[in-house]
Protein backbone atom coordinates (compact mmCIF):
# COMPACT_ATOMS: atom_id res chain seq x y z
CA MET A 1 106.30 -74.83 235.81
CA ASP A 2 106.45 -72.37 238.68
CA TRP A 3 109.72 -73.82 239.95
CA ILE A 4 111.28 -73.39 236.48
CA LEU A 5 110.25 -69.73 236.48
CA GLU A 6 111.76 -69.29 239.94
CA PHE A 7 115.05 -70.88 238.86
CA VAL A 8 115.26 -68.61 235.83
CA THR A 9 114.35 -65.56 237.93
CA VAL A 10 117.06 -66.30 240.50
CA GLY A 11 119.66 -66.87 237.76
CA VAL A 12 118.80 -63.63 235.97
CA PHE A 13 118.73 -61.79 239.30
CA ALA A 14 122.21 -63.05 240.23
CA ALA A 15 123.61 -62.13 236.80
CA HIS A 16 122.01 -58.67 237.07
CA LEU A 17 123.61 -58.13 240.48
CA LEU A 18 127.06 -59.18 239.27
CA ALA A 19 126.84 -56.92 236.22
CA MET A 20 125.68 -53.85 238.15
CA ASN A 21 128.27 -54.51 240.87
CA VAL A 22 131.04 -54.15 238.31
CA ALA A 23 129.41 -50.99 236.93
CA MET A 24 129.26 -49.47 240.44
CA GLY A 25 132.65 -50.49 241.79
CA GLY A 26 134.59 -50.28 238.52
CA PRO A 27 134.97 -46.46 238.41
CA ILE A 28 136.30 -46.39 241.98
CA LEU A 29 138.99 -48.93 241.21
CA CYS A 30 139.77 -47.07 237.99
CA ILE A 31 140.79 -44.11 240.16
CA TRP A 32 143.02 -46.40 242.21
CA LEU A 33 144.68 -47.77 239.07
CA GLU A 34 145.13 -44.28 237.63
CA ARG A 35 146.85 -43.13 240.82
CA ARG A 36 149.18 -46.14 240.66
CA GLU A 37 150.06 -45.22 237.09
CA ALA A 38 150.68 -41.59 238.05
CA GLY A 39 152.90 -42.69 240.93
CA ALA A 40 154.90 -44.95 238.63
CA GLN A 41 155.46 -42.07 236.22
CA ARG A 42 156.64 -39.76 239.00
CA GLY A 43 159.11 -42.46 240.03
CA ALA A 44 160.41 -42.69 236.43
CA SER A 45 159.16 -46.25 236.22
CA ASP A 46 157.66 -47.58 232.99
CA ASP A 47 154.84 -49.68 234.43
CA PRO A 48 152.17 -50.30 231.77
CA ALA A 49 150.15 -52.72 233.89
CA PRO A 50 147.96 -50.21 235.80
CA ALA A 51 147.16 -48.22 232.64
CA SER A 52 146.20 -51.26 230.59
CA VAL A 53 144.13 -52.75 233.41
CA GLU A 54 142.44 -49.38 233.91
CA GLN A 55 141.44 -49.19 230.25
CA ARG A 56 140.09 -52.73 230.32
CA LEU A 57 138.17 -52.04 233.54
CA VAL A 58 136.48 -49.00 231.97
CA GLN A 59 135.38 -51.21 229.08
CA TRP A 60 134.11 -53.80 231.53
CA SER A 61 132.19 -51.15 233.46
CA LEU A 62 130.42 -49.88 230.34
CA ALA A 63 129.71 -53.39 229.04
CA THR A 64 128.35 -54.71 232.34
CA PHE A 65 126.28 -51.55 232.78
CA SER A 66 124.56 -52.20 229.46
CA LEU A 67 124.18 -55.88 230.31
CA GLY A 68 122.77 -55.06 233.75
CA LEU A 69 120.14 -52.75 232.27
CA THR A 70 119.08 -55.45 229.81
CA LEU A 71 118.88 -58.10 232.52
CA GLY A 72 116.92 -55.67 234.70
CA VAL A 73 114.23 -55.36 232.03
CA VAL A 74 114.16 -59.15 231.63
CA LEU A 75 113.90 -59.55 235.40
CA LEU A 76 110.96 -57.16 235.54
CA GLY A 77 109.21 -59.26 232.89
CA LEU A 78 109.84 -62.43 234.89
CA VAL A 79 108.37 -60.80 238.00
CA TRP A 80 105.30 -59.95 235.93
CA LEU A 81 105.01 -63.54 234.73
CA ALA A 82 105.22 -64.67 238.36
CA LYS A 83 102.15 -62.48 239.05
CA ASP A 84 103.91 -60.70 241.90
CA ALA A 85 101.21 -58.13 242.64
CA ALA A 86 102.96 -56.98 245.82
CA TYR A 87 106.13 -55.92 244.02
CA PHE A 88 104.21 -54.01 241.35
CA ALA A 89 102.09 -52.35 244.02
CA ALA A 90 105.29 -51.04 245.63
CA LEU A 91 106.72 -50.12 242.24
CA ALA A 92 103.58 -48.08 241.47
CA MET A 93 104.41 -45.83 244.44
CA ILE A 94 107.34 -44.29 242.55
CA PRO A 95 106.35 -40.91 241.05
CA ARG A 96 106.52 -40.60 237.28
CA ASP A 97 108.99 -37.70 237.43
CA ARG A 98 111.37 -39.82 239.52
CA LEU A 99 111.29 -42.47 236.81
CA VAL A 100 112.17 -39.82 234.22
CA TYR A 101 115.05 -38.58 236.36
CA GLY A 102 116.18 -42.18 236.79
CA GLY A 103 116.48 -42.57 233.03
CA LEU A 104 118.49 -39.35 232.84
CA GLU A 105 120.79 -40.58 235.63
CA LEU A 106 121.45 -43.80 233.72
CA ALA A 107 122.31 -41.78 230.62
CA PHE A 108 124.55 -39.55 232.76
CA TYR A 109 126.55 -42.55 233.98
CA PHE A 110 127.08 -43.77 230.43
CA ALA A 111 128.16 -40.29 229.27
CA VAL A 112 130.68 -39.65 232.05
CA MET A 113 132.21 -43.11 231.71
CA LEU A 114 132.61 -42.62 227.97
CA GLY A 115 134.41 -39.36 228.77
CA TYR A 116 136.62 -41.14 231.27
CA GLN A 117 137.42 -43.81 228.70
CA ALA A 118 138.55 -41.16 226.23
CA LEU A 119 140.86 -39.64 228.85
CA ALA A 120 142.23 -43.04 229.87
CA ARG A 121 143.24 -43.77 226.27
CA SER A 122 145.12 -40.51 225.86
CA GLN A 123 148.92 -40.65 226.02
CA ASN A 124 150.84 -38.63 228.65
CA ARG A 125 147.85 -37.37 230.59
CA SER A 126 148.45 -33.99 232.18
CA ARG A 127 147.69 -33.25 235.81
CA ALA A 128 144.50 -31.40 234.85
CA LYS A 129 143.30 -34.31 232.73
CA ARG A 130 143.96 -36.74 235.55
CA TRP A 131 141.95 -34.70 238.04
CA PHE A 132 139.14 -34.22 235.56
CA GLY A 133 139.06 -37.96 234.92
CA ARG A 134 138.86 -38.64 238.67
CA VAL A 135 135.93 -36.23 238.95
CA LEU A 136 134.15 -38.06 236.12
CA ALA A 137 134.74 -41.46 237.73
CA VAL A 138 133.49 -40.26 241.12
CA ALA A 139 130.43 -38.68 239.49
CA GLY A 140 129.58 -41.90 237.65
CA ALA A 141 130.07 -44.20 240.61
CA SER A 142 128.30 -41.97 243.14
CA ASN A 143 125.39 -41.36 240.77
CA LEU A 144 124.83 -45.09 240.35
CA MET A 145 125.45 -46.04 243.98
CA ALA A 146 123.44 -43.28 245.60
CA HIS A 147 120.21 -43.62 243.64
CA PHE A 148 119.44 -47.06 242.28
CA PRO A 149 120.39 -49.45 245.13
CA THR A 150 118.48 -47.18 247.51
CA LEU A 151 115.40 -46.90 245.30
CA PHE A 152 115.07 -50.61 244.58
CA ALA A 153 115.82 -51.55 248.18
CA MET A 154 112.89 -49.33 249.17
CA VAL A 155 110.64 -50.97 246.57
CA SER A 156 111.61 -54.42 247.83
CA VAL A 157 110.89 -53.41 251.43
CA LEU A 158 107.60 -51.70 250.57
CA ALA A 159 106.45 -54.84 248.75
CA HIS A 160 105.87 -56.54 252.12
CA ARG A 161 104.46 -53.44 253.85
CA PRO A 162 100.98 -53.30 252.32
CA GLN A 163 99.77 -50.68 254.79
CA TRP A 164 101.83 -48.14 252.81
CA TRP A 165 100.50 -49.03 249.36
CA GLY A 166 98.41 -46.48 247.52
CA ARG A 167 100.45 -43.44 248.51
CA THR A 168 103.33 -41.80 246.67
CA LEU A 169 106.99 -42.32 247.47
CA ASP A 170 107.47 -38.60 248.02
CA ARG A 171 110.47 -36.87 249.56
CA VAL A 172 109.19 -37.20 253.12
CA LEU A 173 108.62 -40.95 252.83
CA TYR A 174 111.92 -41.36 250.95
CA HIS A 175 113.90 -39.73 253.74
CA ARG A 176 112.07 -41.72 256.41
CA LEU A 177 112.89 -44.97 254.64
CA LEU A 178 116.55 -43.94 254.48
CA ALA A 179 116.60 -44.22 258.26
CA ASP A 180 115.01 -47.69 258.10
CA GLY A 181 117.48 -50.40 259.03
CA GLU A 182 115.98 -52.88 256.58
CA VAL A 183 116.60 -50.47 253.69
CA MET A 184 120.04 -49.18 254.66
CA SER A 185 121.44 -52.62 255.48
CA ARG A 186 120.61 -53.75 251.95
CA VAL A 187 122.08 -50.59 250.43
CA VAL A 188 125.39 -50.95 252.28
CA HIS A 189 125.43 -54.64 251.37
CA ILE A 190 125.13 -53.73 247.66
CA TRP A 191 127.84 -51.07 247.91
CA LEU A 192 130.32 -53.50 249.42
CA ALA A 193 129.37 -56.18 246.90
CA GLY A 194 130.18 -53.70 244.12
CA LEU A 195 133.68 -53.09 245.47
CA ALA A 196 134.31 -56.80 246.02
CA THR A 197 133.16 -57.75 242.52
CA ALA A 198 135.17 -54.98 240.90
CA GLY A 199 138.24 -56.12 242.84
CA VAL A 200 137.84 -59.65 241.50
CA VAL A 201 137.49 -58.28 237.95
CA VAL A 202 140.76 -56.36 238.41
CA MET A 203 142.41 -59.60 239.54
CA ALA A 204 141.15 -61.41 236.45
CA ILE A 205 142.28 -58.68 234.04
CA ALA A 206 145.73 -58.31 235.59
CA ALA A 207 146.24 -62.07 235.89
CA ARG A 208 145.95 -62.37 232.11
CA ARG A 209 148.87 -59.95 231.78
CA CYS A 210 151.13 -62.16 233.87
CA GLY A 211 153.35 -63.70 231.18
CA ALA A 212 151.04 -62.66 228.35
CA GLY A 213 153.46 -60.06 227.01
CA ALA A 214 156.23 -62.57 226.49
CA ALA A 215 153.83 -65.04 224.93
CA ASP A 216 152.57 -62.68 222.22
CA GLY A 217 155.98 -61.13 221.52
CA THR A 218 155.22 -57.59 222.70
CA ILE A 219 158.09 -57.75 225.22
CA ASP A 220 161.57 -58.08 223.77
CA ASN A 221 163.72 -59.72 226.40
CA GLU A 222 163.24 -62.06 229.32
CA ARG A 223 164.12 -59.49 231.97
CA ALA A 224 161.52 -57.04 230.69
CA ALA A 225 158.97 -59.85 230.58
CA ASP A 226 159.71 -60.70 234.20
CA GLU A 227 159.33 -57.06 235.24
CA SER A 228 156.02 -56.76 233.38
CA ALA A 229 154.74 -59.93 235.02
CA LEU A 230 155.84 -58.61 238.41
CA ASP A 231 153.96 -55.35 237.83
CA ALA A 232 150.84 -57.27 236.84
CA ARG A 233 151.13 -59.47 239.93
CA ARG A 234 151.19 -56.34 242.07
CA VAL A 235 147.96 -55.18 240.48
CA VAL A 236 146.43 -58.62 241.12
CA ALA A 237 147.44 -58.35 244.77
CA GLY A 238 145.94 -54.86 244.98
CA GLY A 239 142.65 -56.00 243.48
CA ALA A 240 142.61 -58.90 245.93
CA ARG A 241 143.02 -56.48 248.85
CA TRP A 242 140.02 -54.47 247.66
CA ALA A 243 137.91 -57.61 247.34
CA LEU A 244 139.17 -58.95 250.68
CA ALA A 245 138.37 -55.78 252.62
CA ALA A 246 134.89 -55.45 251.09
CA THR A 247 134.08 -59.15 251.69
CA LEU A 248 135.20 -58.97 255.32
CA LEU A 249 132.94 -55.98 255.87
CA GLN A 250 130.09 -57.97 254.33
CA LEU A 251 130.04 -60.31 257.36
CA PRO A 252 128.73 -57.77 259.93
CA VAL A 253 126.56 -56.10 257.29
CA GLY A 254 125.01 -59.50 256.50
CA LEU A 255 124.14 -59.97 260.18
CA TRP A 256 122.66 -56.48 260.18
CA THR A 257 120.53 -57.39 257.15
CA LEU A 258 119.22 -60.53 258.86
CA ALA A 259 118.47 -58.65 262.09
CA ALA A 260 116.55 -55.97 260.17
CA MET A 261 114.25 -58.42 258.38
CA PRO A 262 110.53 -57.81 259.01
CA SER A 263 109.15 -59.39 262.17
CA GLY A 264 105.73 -59.91 260.62
CA GLY A 265 107.10 -62.42 258.11
CA GLU A 266 109.54 -63.98 260.56
CA ALA A 267 107.47 -67.13 261.03
CA ALA A 268 107.43 -67.65 257.28
CA TRP A 269 111.13 -67.20 256.45
CA SER A 270 112.54 -68.62 259.68
CA GLY A 271 110.97 -72.00 258.89
CA ASP A 272 112.14 -72.04 255.27
CA VAL A 273 114.76 -74.79 255.33
CA ALA A 274 115.64 -74.35 251.65
CA GLY A 275 116.26 -70.64 252.19
CA TRP A 276 118.62 -71.31 255.09
CA VAL A 277 120.45 -73.98 253.08
CA LEU A 278 120.96 -71.51 250.24
CA LEU A 279 122.19 -68.84 252.65
CA GLY A 280 124.54 -71.29 254.34
CA GLY A 281 125.94 -72.36 250.99
CA GLY A 282 126.50 -68.73 250.03
CA VAL A 283 128.31 -68.03 253.30
CA LEU A 284 130.54 -71.10 252.84
CA ALA A 285 131.39 -69.98 249.30
CA SER A 286 132.29 -66.52 250.63
CA LEU A 287 134.51 -68.00 253.35
CA ALA A 288 136.28 -70.20 250.78
CA MET A 289 136.76 -67.12 248.59
CA LEU A 290 138.23 -65.25 251.56
CA GLU A 291 140.87 -67.94 251.94
CA SER A 292 141.96 -67.51 248.32
CA LEU A 293 141.83 -63.71 248.59
CA VAL A 294 144.14 -63.69 251.61
CA GLY A 295 146.81 -65.61 249.66
CA ALA A 296 146.39 -63.41 246.58
CA ALA A 297 146.60 -60.23 248.67
CA LEU A 298 149.95 -61.46 250.02
CA GLY A 299 151.18 -62.16 246.49
CA ASP A 300 150.79 -65.94 246.65
CA PHE A 301 148.43 -66.85 243.82
CA SER A 302 148.22 -68.57 240.47
CA SER A 303 145.95 -68.35 237.45
CA GLN A 304 144.00 -71.33 238.81
CA GLY A 305 143.59 -69.47 242.11
CA VAL A 306 142.13 -66.43 240.34
CA HIS A 307 139.70 -68.68 238.45
CA ARG A 308 138.72 -70.24 241.76
CA VAL A 309 137.92 -66.81 243.21
CA LYS A 310 135.73 -65.95 240.20
CA ILE A 311 133.82 -69.23 240.43
CA LEU A 312 133.29 -68.93 244.19
CA LEU A 313 132.07 -65.35 243.78
CA ALA A 314 129.51 -66.39 241.17
CA ILE A 315 128.34 -69.35 243.30
CA GLY A 316 128.03 -67.19 246.41
CA VAL A 317 125.99 -64.52 244.65
CA LEU A 318 123.74 -67.13 243.02
CA LEU A 319 123.00 -68.94 246.29
CA MET A 320 122.38 -65.74 248.25
CA ALA A 321 120.15 -64.43 245.47
CA GLY A 322 118.12 -67.63 245.79
CA ALA A 323 117.79 -67.20 249.55
CA ALA A 324 116.78 -63.54 249.15
CA HIS A 325 114.16 -64.49 246.53
CA ARG A 326 112.59 -67.15 248.75
CA TRP A 327 112.48 -64.93 251.81
CA ARG A 328 111.09 -61.98 249.87
CA THR A 329 108.31 -64.23 248.62
CA ALA A 330 107.63 -65.45 252.16
CA ALA A 331 107.55 -61.88 253.50
CA GLU A 332 105.10 -60.77 250.80
CA THR A 333 102.71 -63.68 251.26
CA THR A 334 102.85 -63.10 255.05
CA PRO A 335 102.72 -59.27 255.21
CA SER A 336 104.10 -57.53 258.25
CA ALA A 337 101.86 -55.50 260.45
CA ALA A 338 101.84 -51.75 260.14
CA PRO A 339 104.78 -50.30 262.07
CA SER A 340 103.90 -47.86 264.80
CA SER A 341 106.35 -45.37 263.33
CA ALA A 342 104.86 -45.44 259.83
CA PRO A 343 104.45 -41.87 258.64
CA ALA A 344 101.04 -40.52 257.86
CA ALA A 345 100.28 -39.67 254.27
CA SER A 346 100.66 -36.11 253.08
CA GLY A 347 97.94 -33.92 254.48
CA GLU A 348 96.93 -36.37 257.21
CA PRO A 349 97.57 -35.74 260.89
CA PRO A 350 99.69 -38.35 262.69
CA GLY A 351 97.63 -41.33 263.76
CA GLU A 352 94.93 -40.79 261.14
CA ALA A 353 96.64 -42.34 258.09
CA LEU A 354 94.34 -44.54 256.07
CA ASP A 355 94.62 -48.20 257.06
CA ARG A 356 95.08 -50.36 253.95
CA SER A 357 96.22 -53.52 255.72
CA ALA A 358 92.74 -55.00 255.58
CA VAL A 359 92.62 -54.80 251.78
CA ALA A 360 96.11 -55.05 250.29
CA PRO A 361 97.32 -58.38 251.76
CA GLN A 362 94.41 -60.29 250.25
CA SER A 363 95.14 -58.73 246.86
CA CYS A 364 98.80 -59.69 247.18
CA VAL A 365 98.01 -63.33 247.93
CA ALA A 366 95.36 -63.47 245.22
CA GLY A 367 97.86 -62.17 242.68
CA ARG A 368 100.34 -64.90 243.57
CA ASN A 369 97.71 -67.63 243.40
CA GLY A 370 96.96 -67.14 239.74
CA ALA A 371 95.23 -63.81 239.11
CA ARG A 372 96.95 -61.06 237.19
CA PRO A 373 98.09 -58.15 239.36
CA ASP A 374 95.11 -55.83 239.78
CA PHE A 375 96.29 -52.23 240.07
CA ALA A 376 92.79 -50.84 240.39
CA ILE A 377 92.69 -51.64 244.07
CA TYR A 378 95.86 -49.61 244.68
CA SER A 379 94.94 -46.61 242.54
CA SER A 380 91.42 -46.46 243.97
CA VAL A 381 92.69 -46.12 247.52
CA GLY A 382 92.66 -42.42 248.28
CA VAL A 383 95.39 -40.87 250.38
CA ASN A 384 93.51 -37.98 251.89
CA LYS A 385 90.07 -39.56 251.93
CA ARG A 386 88.48 -40.02 255.34
CA PRO A 387 84.99 -41.25 256.12
CA ARG A 388 82.71 -38.38 256.99
CA PRO A 389 81.30 -38.56 260.50
CA SER A 390 77.67 -39.65 260.27
CA ALA A 391 75.11 -38.22 262.61
CA SER A 392 73.74 -40.67 265.13
CA ARG A 393 70.06 -41.52 265.43
CA ASP A 394 69.72 -39.62 268.70
CA SER A 395 71.30 -36.46 267.28
CA ARG A 396 68.94 -36.53 264.28
CA HIS A 397 65.99 -36.95 266.67
CA ASN A 398 67.16 -33.95 268.74
CA LEU A 399 67.46 -31.79 265.64
CA ALA A 400 63.93 -32.71 264.53
CA SER A 401 62.56 -31.90 267.99
CA ARG A 402 64.22 -28.48 268.00
CA HIS A 403 62.84 -27.73 264.56
CA SER A 404 59.28 -28.66 265.53
CA HIS A 405 59.59 -26.68 268.78
CA ARG A 406 60.58 -23.54 266.85
CA ASN A 407 57.65 -23.94 264.47
CA SER A 408 55.23 -24.28 267.37
């Protein structure tokens, strides 16, 4: 039954990533579409394609955001069922106030995107409304991209660094982890994936407009239908360029992510043949998607080609999510040694941080082998507690001799 749980976990994880990618990259591409619409209006051109695609993309961003949150809760429950004590030990490092702020940031994204949606639906937007809408879109996208990929990348990294468990993810540790290559490579990877996924969604929305107006009778004559289809094809090509550029940048970032993987668990994940097969399949799917994106970016595409891009994107994300899940499990069951640059806990001088590596790895492995995650071992580890120096036998003997000498 464990393999069924892993399959379900990987599927939910891939769907969660795709949904949150659209929510992150969607507002940025909304700004691009709004600027295209504004440029068409300045050129006295009646081009409804960017405006309609923009409105649909806002709806997609809000819907996938809600779906991503739901899948995130489901994913957390699946991790609990898998008895992943290491992940929950890292998750327990997050301060309670940061969790409260995280909930407020999620509500902030939803509020600003609802405001942007209201502005996008308004007719004849003024210059002030356009700039205000751009500010809202940037605020929503930056809020989501700056906080949550970084936080959960840190939790995933800390899950296989047991020597850090038991302390709080305070500001000092947060900033130190920002400079960690293993964390930042994952964050940049997620950012680029958001832009690539949003670009593919723009392609799918605009492709449906190609010839749709003439089919449903909203366009009166054949010439106007051809012009509308041409405008929609231009939007498809623009979305393909966004997806193409982000996917090309994913190649060096992917190598960076592999190079930054923990050396302590290298023996475990380097020998995982299934993990490498999944990664190879994901890379092949991405390369095949690149081929279709190049043609679409040059204006040579069809509805079948857009469907092919969507399918290849989903396959690539699913396979890479499977590889990441297997290697994360391998890294947690084979914990890395404490890095020499690991910061000391608050209030401890450098070099005197409490060593938890002798306790936490055994708890992690025990949790995966069938026991429920035991948080008592993490909460009972004190941050500032040090063993008091005990007096040696000779020193106690010298003190007793001095005392008896004074009495005599």
